[in-house]
Amino acid sequence: MISYQKADHWKNPKNKLFPHQVGFTCPPHDFDAAPSDFLRMSPGTVGVHGRMLHVPDYKHLLTQRKKNFGLLEEFVECMANNGVDVCGQVGSNWVHASGLGVDGIRDFCKRLSDTYETPFHMAGYAMVEALRDQNIEKVALNAAYHHPSWWQGTVDFLIEAGFDVVWAGNFVDQGWYDTQEEVNACIWCFDGDLAEKSFSYVAEKAPNVDAYLINGMCNFRSGSNGQAERPVHLEIELEAMLGKPVIGHDTALYWRIFKTLGIAPVTQQGRLLSSLKE
């Protein structure tokens, strides 16, 4: 058992730069939008740190995620040392790549949270928690840019957690790209209109579900001047079009962090994040 004690001076609010201090980590070799997105939707009491995991030869392989899973504990300890109140891990594949299973990931997050006296949430497990909180059972997965082995792992994780995954498929399955190599070449960022088109396709395949999900941390050039935006920016419009909740792993992770802090976003958001204001 690791012996750790969070510095006592962080218990005094006067020693903190912000009343609510949040730390994010993300996979290596990706500039991550989570710290910026979360800060933009938060009240002024929130401050955010970001810390990339460092794997010099990283190639986005599931085996590398499993091999470097221990870096998540290093991240939480680092953030605890710096007075963070809650930590969030970006990247939906890490939960299923670990091989720990749903209960194993739950226990892993609890162990790190307890050991370092700092709540720790993973995007892949936050999705499970969010769906359970909203009493959602039947889902369809817009697997977006994810390689088949990635999104199939997500489906298996959701099924193990007790959800009925009615349909799942990525942009190749949906017919927007001919090959996975073409998708990979986009570096996780796609034309703005693909968000609506891809969700319309998924809805046609699975009209009778409780919610539509989108895998990973996909980006669409839907912002002003074509700036890339994650699903959390698009959920209001997509939910209006589909008449159902739209939940991405970004939305689920932010929801879980806000819930832990006991606060809510100040911006207008979709159903899941808006439920924090009820």
C-alpha atoms as a PDB file:
ATOM      1  CA  MET A   1       0.000   0.000   0.000  1.00  0.00           C
ATOM      2  CA  ILE A   2       1.392   3.381  -1.028  1.00  0.00           C
ATOM      3  CA  SER A   3       1.880   5.824   1.834  1.00  0.00           C
ATOM      4  CA  TYR A   4       0.892   9.314   0.719  1.00  0.00           C
ATOM      5  CA  GLN A   5      -0.388  12.416   2.449  1.00  0.00           C
ATOM      6  CA  LYS A   6      -1.608  15.453   0.578  1.00  0.00           C
ATOM      7  CA  ALA A   7       0.034  18.625   1.858  1.00  0.00           C
ATOM      8  CA  ASP A   8      -1.980  20.118   4.705  1.00  0.00           C
ATOM      9  CA  HIS A   9      -1.670  23.652   3.337  1.00  0.00           C
ATOM     10  CA  TRP A  10      -4.044  22.767   0.481  1.00  0.00           C
ATOM     11  CA  LYS A  11      -6.809  22.298   3.050  1.00  0.00           C
ATOM     12  CA  ASN A  12      -6.742  26.056   3.685  1.00  0.00           C
ATOM     13  CA  PRO A  13      -8.738  27.832   0.935  1.00  0.00           C
ATOM     14  CA  LYS A  14      -6.504  30.899   1.317  1.00  0.00           C
ATOM     15  CA  ASN A  15      -3.582  28.924  -0.110  1.00  0.00           C
ATOM     16  CA  LYS A  16      -5.380  28.042  -3.355  1.00  0.00           C
ATOM     17  CA  LEU A  17      -5.364  30.193  -6.478  1.00  0.00           C
ATOM     18  CA  PHE A  18      -8.928  29.083  -7.271  1.00  0.00           C
ATOM     19  CA  PRO A  19     -11.670  27.628  -5.056  1.00  0.00           C
ATOM     20  CA  HIS A  20     -12.090  24.793  -7.604  1.00  0.00           C
ATOM     21  CA  GLN A  21      -8.812  23.495  -9.082  1.00  0.00           C
ATOM     22  CA  VAL A  22      -9.007  20.879 -11.868  1.00  0.00           C
ATOM     23  CA  GLY A  23      -6.278  18.810 -13.513  1.00  0.00           C
ATOM     24  CA  PHE A  24      -6.529  17.108 -16.911  1.00  0.00           C
ATOM     25  CA  THR A  25      -4.275  14.634 -18.630  1.00  0.00           C
ATOM     26  CA  CYS A  26      -4.439  13.348 -22.199  1.00  0.00           C
ATOM     27  CA  PRO A  27      -2.691  10.799 -24.430  1.00  0.00           C
ATOM     28  CA  PRO A  28       0.796  11.671 -25.707  1.00  0.00           C
ATOM     29  CA  HIS A  29       1.184  13.551 -28.989  1.00  0.00           C
ATOM     30  CA  ASP A  30      -2.217  15.245 -28.943  1.00  0.00           C
ATOM     31  CA  PHE A  31      -2.831  18.913 -28.123  1.00  0.00           C
ATOM     32  CA  ASP A  32      -5.876  18.513 -25.946  1.00  0.00           C
ATOM     33  CA  ALA A  33      -8.897  20.829 -25.908  1.00  0.00           C
ATOM     34  CA  ALA A  34     -10.269  19.633 -22.560  1.00  0.00           C
ATOM     35  CA  PRO A  35      -8.613  22.245 -20.296  1.00  0.00           C
ATOM     36  CA  SER A  36      -9.749  25.082 -22.590  1.00  0.00           C
ATOM     37  CA  ASP A  37     -13.259  23.697 -23.133  1.00  0.00           C
ATOM     38  CA  PHE A  38     -13.839  23.037 -19.459  1.00  0.00           C
ATOM     39  CA  LEU A  39     -12.582  26.444 -18.387  1.00  0.00           C
ATOM     40  CA  ARG A  40     -14.742  28.258 -20.947  1.00  0.00           C
ATOM     41  CA  MET A  41     -17.930  26.688 -19.601  1.00  0.00           C
ATOM     42  CA  SER A  42     -17.023  27.024 -15.919  1.00  0.00           C
ATOM     43  CA  PRO A  43     -17.721  29.745 -13.365  1.00  0.00           C
ATOM     44  CA  GLY A  44     -14.860  32.073 -12.489  1.00  0.00           C
ATOM     45  CA  THR A  45     -14.079  30.033  -9.378  1.00  0.00           C
ATOM     46  CA  VAL A  46     -12.479  27.321 -11.540  1.00  0.00           C
ATOM     47  CA  GLY A  47      -8.827  27.046 -12.522  1.00  0.00           C
ATOM     48  CA  VAL A  48      -7.399  24.318 -14.772  1.00  0.00           C
ATOM     49  CA  HIS A  49      -4.032  22.581 -15.202  1.00  0.00           C
ATOM     50  CA  GLY A  50      -3.152  20.310 -18.120  1.00  0.00           C
ATOM     51  CA  ARG A  51      -0.444  17.627 -18.142  1.00  0.00           C
ATOM     52  CA  MET A  52       0.267  15.333 -21.091  1.00  0.00           C
ATOM     53  CA  LEU A  53       1.400  11.784 -20.509  1.00  0.00           C
ATOM     54  CA  HIS A  54       4.961  11.401 -21.799  1.00  0.00           C
ATOM     55  CA  VAL A  55       5.634   8.404 -24.045  1.00  0.00           C
ATOM     56  CA  PRO A  56       8.280   9.413 -26.632  1.00  0.00           C
ATOM     57  CA  ASP A  57       7.587   6.585 -29.112  1.00  0.00           C
ATOM     58  CA  TYR A  58       3.789   6.738 -28.844  1.00  0.00           C
ATOM     59  CA  LYS A  59       1.895   5.407 -31.888  1.00  0.00           C
ATOM     60  CA  HIS A  60      -1.693   5.416 -30.566  1.00  0.00           C
ATOM     61  CA  LEU A  61      -1.665   1.651 -30.000  1.00  0.00           C
ATOM     62  CA  LEU A  62      -3.953   0.022 -27.457  1.00  0.00           C
ATOM     63  CA  THR A  63      -0.997  -2.043 -26.259  1.00  0.00           C
ATOM     64  CA  GLN A  64       0.869   1.182 -25.482  1.00  0.00           C
ATOM     65  CA  ARG A  65      -2.041   2.423 -23.421  1.00  0.00           C
ATOM     66  CA  LYS A  66      -1.987  -0.764 -21.361  1.00  0.00           C
ATOM     67  CA  LYS A  67       1.811  -0.660 -21.018  1.00  0.00           C
ATOM     68  CA  ASN A  68       1.766   2.954 -19.817  1.00  0.00           C
ATOM     69  CA  PHE A  69      -1.333   2.726 -17.642  1.00  0.00           C
ATOM     70  CA  GLY A  70       0.794   3.412 -14.584  1.00  0.00           C
ATOM     71  CA  LEU A  71       1.456   6.937 -15.828  1.00  0.00           C
ATOM     72  CA  LEU A  72      -2.081   7.800 -14.757  1.00  0.00           C
ATOM     73  CA  GLU A  73      -1.098   7.292 -11.124  1.00  0.00           C
ATOM     74  CA  GLU A  74       1.950   9.491 -11.630  1.00  0.00           C
ATOM     75  CA  PHE A  75      -0.352  12.167 -13.049  1.00  0.00           C
ATOM     76  CA  VAL A  76      -2.751  12.035 -10.092  1.00  0.00           C
ATOM     77  CA  GLU A  77       0.104  12.230  -7.578  1.00  0.00           C
ATOM     78  CA  CYS A  78       1.580  15.211  -9.430  1.00  0.00           C
ATOM     79  CA  MET A  79      -1.766  17.012  -9.459  1.00  0.00           C
ATOM     80  CA  ALA A  80      -2.404  16.215  -5.786  1.00  0.00           C
ATOM     81  CA  ASN A  81       0.977  17.699  -4.917  1.00  0.00           C
ATOM     82  CA  ASN A  82      -0.098  20.888  -6.680  1.00  0.00           C
ATOM     83  CA  GLY A  83      -3.377  21.253  -4.828  1.00  0.00           C
ATOM     84  CA  VAL A  84      -5.804  20.046  -7.463  1.00  0.00           C
ATOM     85  CA  ASP A  85      -9.327  19.213  -6.224  1.00  0.00           C
ATOM     86  CA  VAL A  86     -10.267  16.738  -8.962  1.00  0.00           C
ATOM     87  CA  CYS A  87      -8.449  15.036 -11.869  1.00  0.00           C
ATOM     88  CA  GLY A  88      -9.822  14.029 -15.266  1.00  0.00           C
ATOM     89  CA  GLN A  89      -8.322  11.631 -17.815  1.00  0.00           C
ATOM     90  CA  VAL A  90      -9.088  12.376 -21.465  1.00  0.00           C
ATOM     91  CA  GLY A  91      -9.185   9.460 -23.899  1.00  0.00           C
ATOM     92  CA  SER A  92     -11.984   6.880 -23.976  1.00  0.00           C
ATOM     93  CA  ASN A  93      -9.871   3.875 -24.978  1.00  0.00           C
ATOM     94  CA  TRP A  94      -7.799   3.656 -21.841  1.00  0.00           C
ATOM     95  CA  VAL A  95     -10.510   1.931 -19.803  1.00  0.00           C
ATOM     96  CA  HIS A  96     -10.936  -1.035 -22.151  1.00  0.00           C
ATOM     97  CA  ALA A  97      -7.276  -1.161 -23.181  1.00  0.00           C
ATOM     98  CA  SER A  98      -6.355  -1.740 -19.541  1.00  0.00           C
ATOM     99  CA  GLY A  99      -8.017  -5.152 -19.470  1.00  0.00           C
ATOM    100  CA  LEU A 100      -9.332  -4.408 -15.974  1.00  0.00           C
ATOM    101  CA  GLY A 101     -13.010  -4.552 -16.902  1.00  0.00           C
ATOM    102  CA  VAL A 102     -15.736  -2.209 -15.695  1.00  0.00           C
ATOM    103  CA  ASP A 103     -15.472  -3.090 -12.008  1.00  0.00           C
ATOM    104  CA  GLY A 104     -11.684  -3.077 -12.198  1.00  0.00           C
ATOM    105  CA  ILE A 105     -11.663   0.454 -13.601  1.00  0.00           C
ATOM    106  CA  ARG A 106     -14.106   1.564 -10.919  1.00  0.00           C
ATOM    107  CA  ASP A 107     -11.782   0.146  -8.263  1.00  0.00           C
ATOM    108  CA  PHE A 108      -8.712   1.651  -9.930  1.00  0.00           C
ATOM    109  CA  CYS A 109     -10.260   5.133  -9.923  1.00  0.00           C
ATOM    110  CA  LYS A 110     -11.319   4.716  -6.292  1.00  0.00           C
ATOM    111  CA  ARG A 111      -7.859   3.563  -5.227  1.00  0.00           C
ATOM    112  CA  LEU A 112      -6.146   6.559  -6.837  1.00  0.00           C
ATOM    113  CA  SER A 113      -8.787   8.921  -5.474  1.00  0.00           C
ATOM    114  CA  ASP A 114      -8.393   7.578  -1.951  1.00  0.00           C
ATOM    115  CA  THR A 115      -4.605   7.254  -2.013  1.00  0.00           C
ATOM    116  CA  TYR A 116      -3.923  10.778  -3.244  1.00  0.00           C
ATOM    117  CA  GLU A 117      -6.919  12.407  -1.539  1.00  0.00           C
ATOM    118  CA  THR A 118      -7.992  13.748  -4.947  1.00  0.00           C
ATOM    119  CA  PRO A 119     -10.973  12.405  -6.941  1.00  0.00           C
ATOM    120  CA  PHE A 120      -9.891  10.879 -10.258  1.00  0.00           C
ATOM    121  CA  HIS A 121     -12.231  10.300 -13.204  1.00  0.00           C
ATOM    122  CA  MET A 122     -11.614   8.543 -16.530  1.00  0.00           C
ATOM    123  CA  ALA A 123     -13.555   9.514 -19.643  1.00  0.00           C
ATOM    124  CA  GLY A 124     -14.497   5.929 -20.510  1.00  0.00           C
ATOM    125  CA  TYR A 125     -15.890   5.207 -17.066  1.00  0.00           C
ATOM    126  CA  ALA A 126     -17.507   8.652 -16.780  1.00  0.00           C
ATOM    127  CA  MET A 127     -19.655   7.630 -19.759  1.00  0.00           C
ATOM    128  CA  VAL A 128     -20.895   4.607 -17.805  1.00  0.00           C
ATOM    129  CA  GLU A 129     -21.628   6.766 -14.750  1.00  0.00           C
ATOM    130  CA  ALA A 130     -23.456   9.372 -16.827  1.00  0.00           C
ATOM    131  CA  LEU A 131     -25.680   6.830 -18.585  1.00  0.00           C
ATOM    132  CA  ARG A 132     -26.564   5.194 -15.290  1.00  0.00           C
ATOM    133  CA  ASP A 133     -27.329   8.568 -13.722  1.00  0.00           C
ATOM    134  CA  GLN A 134     -29.683   9.453 -16.570  1.00  0.00           C
ATOM    135  CA  ASN A 135     -31.396   6.021 -16.512  1.00  0.00           C
ATOM    136  CA  ILE A 136     -30.318   5.351 -20.097  1.00  0.00           C
ATOM    137  CA  GLU A 137     -30.305   1.710 -21.204  1.00  0.00           C
ATOM    138  CA  LYS A 138     -30.437   1.520 -25.018  1.00  0.00           C
ATOM    139  CA  VAL A 139     -27.773   3.443 -26.958  1.00  0.00           C
ATOM    140  CA  ALA A 140     -26.264   3.777 -30.408  1.00  0.00           C
ATOM    141  CA  LEU A 141     -22.610   4.683 -30.836  1.00  0.00           C
ATOM    142  CA  ASN A 142     -21.278   7.107 -33.422  1.00  0.00           C
ATOM    143  CA  ALA A 143     -17.748   5.699 -33.351  1.00  0.00           C
ATOM    144  CA  ALA A 144     -16.454   8.658 -35.410  1.00  0.00           C
ATOM    145  CA  TYR A 145     -12.729   8.368 -36.243  1.00  0.00           C
ATOM    146  CA  HIS A 146     -12.013   5.356 -34.044  1.00  0.00           C
ATOM    147  CA  HIS A 147     -10.282   2.315 -35.508  1.00  0.00           C
ATOM    148  CA  PRO A 148     -12.491  -0.799 -35.313  1.00  0.00           C
ATOM    149  CA  SER A 149     -10.445  -2.311 -32.483  1.00  0.00           C
ATOM    150  CA  TRP A 150     -10.898   0.932 -30.539  1.00  0.00           C
ATOM    151  CA  TRP A 151     -14.642   1.347 -30.887  1.00  0.00           C
ATOM    152  CA  GLN A 152     -15.359  -2.355 -30.547  1.00  0.00           C
ATOM    153  CA  GLY A 153     -13.540  -2.191 -27.214  1.00  0.00           C
ATOM    154  CA  THR A 154     -15.814   0.670 -26.207  1.00  0.00           C
ATOM    155  CA  VAL A 155     -18.890  -1.338 -27.198  1.00  0.00           C
ATOM    156  CA  ASP A 156     -17.690  -4.323 -25.175  1.00  0.00           C
ATOM    157  CA  PHE A 157     -17.076  -2.068 -22.161  1.00  0.00           C
ATOM    158  CA  LEU A 158     -20.582  -0.600 -22.405  1.00  0.00           C
ATOM    159  CA  ILE A 159     -22.161  -4.031 -22.771  1.00  0.00           C
ATOM    160  CA  GLU A 160     -20.211  -5.302 -19.759  1.00  0.00           C
ATOM    161  CA  ALA A 161     -21.569  -2.300 -17.839  1.00  0.00           C
ATOM    162  CA  GLY A 162     -25.097  -3.453 -18.666  1.00  0.00           C
ATOM    163  CA  PHE A 163     -26.106  -1.261 -21.611  1.00  0.00           C
ATOM    164  CA  ASP A 164     -27.831  -2.382 -24.803  1.00  0.00           C
ATOM    165  CA  VAL A 165     -25.751  -1.116 -27.730  1.00  0.00           C
ATOM    166  CA  VAL A 166     -28.206  -1.256 -30.608  1.00  0.00           C
ATOM    167  CA  TRP A 167     -25.813  -0.069 -33.330  1.00  0.00           C
ATOM    168  CA  ALA A 168     -22.218   1.120 -33.603  1.00  0.00           C
ATOM    169  CA  GLY A 169     -19.965   2.137 -36.465  1.00  0.00           C
ATOM    170  CA  ASN A 170     -17.300   4.642 -37.446  1.00  0.00           C
ATOM    171  CA  PHE A 171     -17.019   7.089 -40.354  1.00  0.00           C
ATOM    172  CA  VAL A 172     -15.895   4.305 -42.702  1.00  0.00           C
ATOM    173  CA  ASP A 173     -18.864   2.123 -41.731  1.00  0.00           C
ATOM    174  CA  GLN A 174     -21.117   5.123 -42.316  1.00  0.00           C
ATOM    175  CA  GLY A 175     -19.687   5.651 -45.811  1.00  0.00           C
ATOM    176  CA  TRP A 176     -18.059   9.059 -45.386  1.00  0.00           C
ATOM    177  CA  TYR A 177     -14.545   7.682 -45.989  1.00  0.00           C
ATOM    178  CA  ASP A 178     -13.360   4.687 -47.987  1.00  0.00           C
ATOM    179  CA  THR A 179     -10.575   3.556 -45.653  1.00  0.00           C
ATOM    180  CA  GLN A 180      -9.449   3.888 -42.058  1.00  0.00           C
ATOM    181  CA  GLU A 181      -6.162   5.302 -43.367  1.00  0.00           C
ATOM    182  CA  GLU A 182      -8.041   8.279 -44.828  1.00  0.00           C
ATOM    183  CA  VAL A 183      -9.726   8.839 -41.473  1.00  0.00           C
ATOM    184  CA  ASN A 184      -6.422   8.642 -39.601  1.00  0.00           C
ATOM    185  CA  ALA A 185      -4.888  11.220 -41.934  1.00  0.00           C
ATOM    186  CA  CYS A 186      -7.425  13.794 -40.711  1.00  0.00           C
ATOM    187  CA  ILE A 187      -5.746  13.755 -37.249  1.00  0.00           C
ATOM    188  CA  TRP A 188      -9.071  13.565 -35.400  1.00  0.00           C
ATOM    189  CA  CYS A 189     -10.473  16.750 -37.012  1.00  0.00           C
ATOM    190  CA  PHE A 190     -13.278  16.726 -39.620  1.00  0.00           C
ATOM    191  CA  ASP A 191     -15.517  19.025 -41.675  1.00  0.00           C
ATOM    192  CA  GLY A 192     -18.163  20.800 -39.623  1.00  0.00           C
ATOM    193  CA  ASP A 193     -21.164  19.348 -41.417  1.00  0.00           C
ATOM    194  CA  LEU A 194     -20.044  15.784 -40.734  1.00  0.00           C
ATOM    195  CA  ALA A 195     -21.338  15.994 -37.163  1.00  0.00           C
ATOM    196  CA  GLU A 196     -24.946  16.401 -38.298  1.00  0.00           C
ATOM    197  CA  LYS A 197     -24.608  14.015 -41.233  1.00  0.00           C
ATOM    198  CA  SER A 198     -23.043  11.242 -39.180  1.00  0.00           C
ATOM    199  CA  PHE A 199     -25.595  11.485 -36.363  1.00  0.00           C
ATOM    200  CA  SER A 200     -28.428  11.480 -38.906  1.00  0.00           C
ATOM    201  CA  TYR A 201     -26.995   8.254 -40.305  1.00  0.00           C
ATOM    202  CA  VAL A 202     -26.737   6.669 -36.854  1.00  0.00           C
ATOM    203  CA  ALA A 203     -30.309   7.729 -36.030  1.00  0.00           C
ATOM    204  CA  GLU A 204     -31.574   6.042 -39.200  1.00  0.00           C
ATOM    205  CA  LYS A 205     -29.828   2.843 -38.168  1.00  0.00           C
ATOM    206  CA  ALA A 206     -31.083   3.006 -34.582  1.00  0.00           C
ATOM    207  CA  PRO A 207     -34.187   5.183 -34.195  1.00  0.00           C
ATOM    208  CA  ASN A 208     -35.480   3.550 -30.996  1.00  0.00           C
ATOM    209  CA  VAL A 209     -32.733   4.231 -28.471  1.00  0.00           C
ATOM    210  CA  ASP A 210     -32.597   6.300 -25.293  1.00  0.00           C
ATOM    211  CA  ALA A 211     -29.477   8.241 -26.290  1.00  0.00           C
ATOM    212  CA  TYR A 212     -26.872   8.699 -29.003  1.00  0.00           C
ATOM    213  CA  LEU A 213     -23.213   8.506 -28.023  1.00  0.00           C
ATOM    214  CA  ILE A 214     -20.064   9.641 -29.800  1.00  0.00           C
ATOM    215  CA  ASN A 215     -16.782   7.938 -29.164  1.00  0.00           C
ATOM    216  CA  GLY A 216     -13.532   9.535 -28.182  1.00  0.00           C
ATOM    217  CA  MET A 217     -12.727  13.216 -28.465  1.00  0.00           C
ATOM    218  CA  CYS A 218     -13.695  13.905 -32.079  1.00  0.00           C
ATOM    219  CA  ASN A 219     -13.321  17.436 -33.474  1.00  0.00           C
ATOM    220  CA  PHE A 220     -15.430  19.135 -36.140  1.00  0.00           C
ATOM    221  CA  ARG A 221     -14.578  22.416 -37.914  1.00  0.00           C
ATOM    222  CA  SER A 222     -17.905  23.895 -36.899  1.00  0.00           C
ATOM    223  CA  GLY A 223     -16.748  26.952 -34.950  1.00  0.00           C
ATOM    224  CA  SER A 224     -16.249  30.504 -36.144  1.00  0.00           C
ATOM    225  CA  ASN A 225     -13.821  30.647 -39.076  1.00  0.00           C
ATOM    226  CA  GLY A 226     -13.803  26.854 -39.138  1.00  0.00           C
ATOM    227  CA  GLN A 227     -12.278  26.416 -35.695  1.00  0.00           C
ATOM    228  CA  ALA A 228     -12.352  22.835 -34.454  1.00  0.00           C
ATOM    229  CA  GLU A 229     -14.982  21.981 -31.848  1.00  0.00           C
ATOM    230  CA  ARG A 230     -15.681  18.857 -29.845  1.00  0.00           C
ATOM    231  CA  PRO A 231     -19.175  17.353 -29.451  1.00  0.00           C
ATOM    232  CA  VAL A 232     -19.758  19.271 -26.203  1.00  0.00           C
ATOM    233  CA  HIS A 233     -20.098  22.427 -28.338  1.00  0.00           C
ATOM    234  CA  LEU A 234     -22.651  20.829 -30.661  1.00  0.00           C
ATOM    235  CA  GLU A 235     -24.903  18.873 -28.314  1.00  0.00           C
ATOM    236  CA  ILE A 236     -27.755  21.420 -28.145  1.00  0.00           C
ATOM    237  CA  GLU A 237     -28.188  21.507 -31.929  1.00  0.00           C
ATOM    238  CA  LEU A 238     -27.766  17.744 -32.296  1.00  0.00           C
ATOM    239  CA  GLU A 239     -30.265  16.997 -29.538  1.00  0.00           C
ATOM    240  CA  ALA A 240     -32.779  19.338 -31.152  1.00  0.00           C
ATOM    241  CA  MET A 241     -32.329  17.479 -34.451  1.00  0.00           C
ATOM    242  CA  LEU A 242     -32.528  13.983 -32.950  1.00  0.00           C
ATOM    243  CA  GLY A 243     -34.939  14.518 -30.079  1.00  0.00           C
ATOM    244  CA  LYS A 244     -32.694  12.415 -27.825  1.00  0.00           C
ATOM    245  CA  PRO A 245     -29.731  13.047 -25.506  1.00  0.00           C
ATOM    246  CA  VAL A 246     -26.355  13.228 -27.257  1.00  0.00           C
ATOM    247  CA  ILE A 247     -23.453  12.290 -25.008  1.00  0.00           C
ATOM    248  CA  GLY A 248     -19.794  12.285 -25.955  1.00  0.00           C
ATOM    249  CA  HIS A 249     -16.921  11.149 -23.796  1.00  0.00           C
ATOM    250  CA  ASP A 250     -15.960  14.808 -23.446  1.00  0.00           C
ATOM    251  CA  THR A 251     -19.451  15.690 -22.160  1.00  0.00           C
ATOM    252  CA  ALA A 252     -19.482  12.725 -19.772  1.00  0.00           C
ATOM    253  CA  LEU A 253     -16.067  13.562 -18.316  1.00  0.00           C
ATOM    254  CA  TYR A 254     -16.923  17.230 -17.783  1.00  0.00           C
ATOM    255  CA  TRP A 255     -20.253  16.248 -16.202  1.00  0.00           C
ATOM    256  CA  ARG A 256     -18.481  13.931 -13.757  1.00  0.00           C
ATOM    257  CA  ILE A 257     -15.943  16.588 -12.773  1.00  0.00           C
ATOM    258  CA  PHE A 258     -18.614  19.271 -12.287  1.00  0.00           C
ATOM    259  CA  LYS A 259     -20.640  16.791 -10.216  1.00  0.00           C
ATOM    260  CA  THR A 260     -17.653  16.107  -7.973  1.00  0.00           C
ATOM    261  CA  LEU A 261     -17.022  19.830  -7.494  1.00  0.00           C
ATOM    262  CA  GLY A 262     -20.705  20.455  -6.765  1.00  0.00           C
ATOM    263  CA  ILE A 263     -21.023  23.152  -9.408  1.00  0.00           C
ATOM    264  CA  ALA A 264     -22.493  23.464 -12.916  1.00  0.00           C
ATOM    265  CA  PRO A 265     -21.459  25.048 -16.211  1.00  0.00           C
ATOM    266  CA  VAL A 266     -22.461  28.674 -16.748  1.00  0.00           C
ATOM    267  CA  THR A 267     -22.963  28.136 -20.481  1.00  0.00           C
ATOM    268  CA  GLN A 268     -25.997  26.639 -22.210  1.00  0.00           C
ATOM    269  CA  GLN A 269     -25.341  22.922 -22.737  1.00  0.00           C
ATOM    270  CA  GLY A 270     -27.155  19.728 -23.653  1.00  0.00           C
ATOM    271  CA  ARG A 271     -29.303  17.548 -21.443  1.00  0.00           C
ATOM    272  CA  LEU A 272     -26.586  15.817 -19.442  1.00  0.00           C
ATOM    273  CA  LEU A 273     -24.679  18.920 -18.357  1.00  0.00           C
ATOM    274  CA  SER A 274     -27.921  20.882 -17.908  1.00  0.00           C
ATOM    275  CA  SER A 275     -29.082  18.226 -15.423  1.00  0.00           C
ATOM    276  CA  LEU A 276     -26.484  19.612 -12.996  1.00  0.00           C
ATOM    277  CA  LYS A 277     -28.555  22.800 -12.688  1.00  0.00           C
ATOM    278  CA  GLU A 278     -31.777  21.012 -11.751  1.00  0.00           C
END
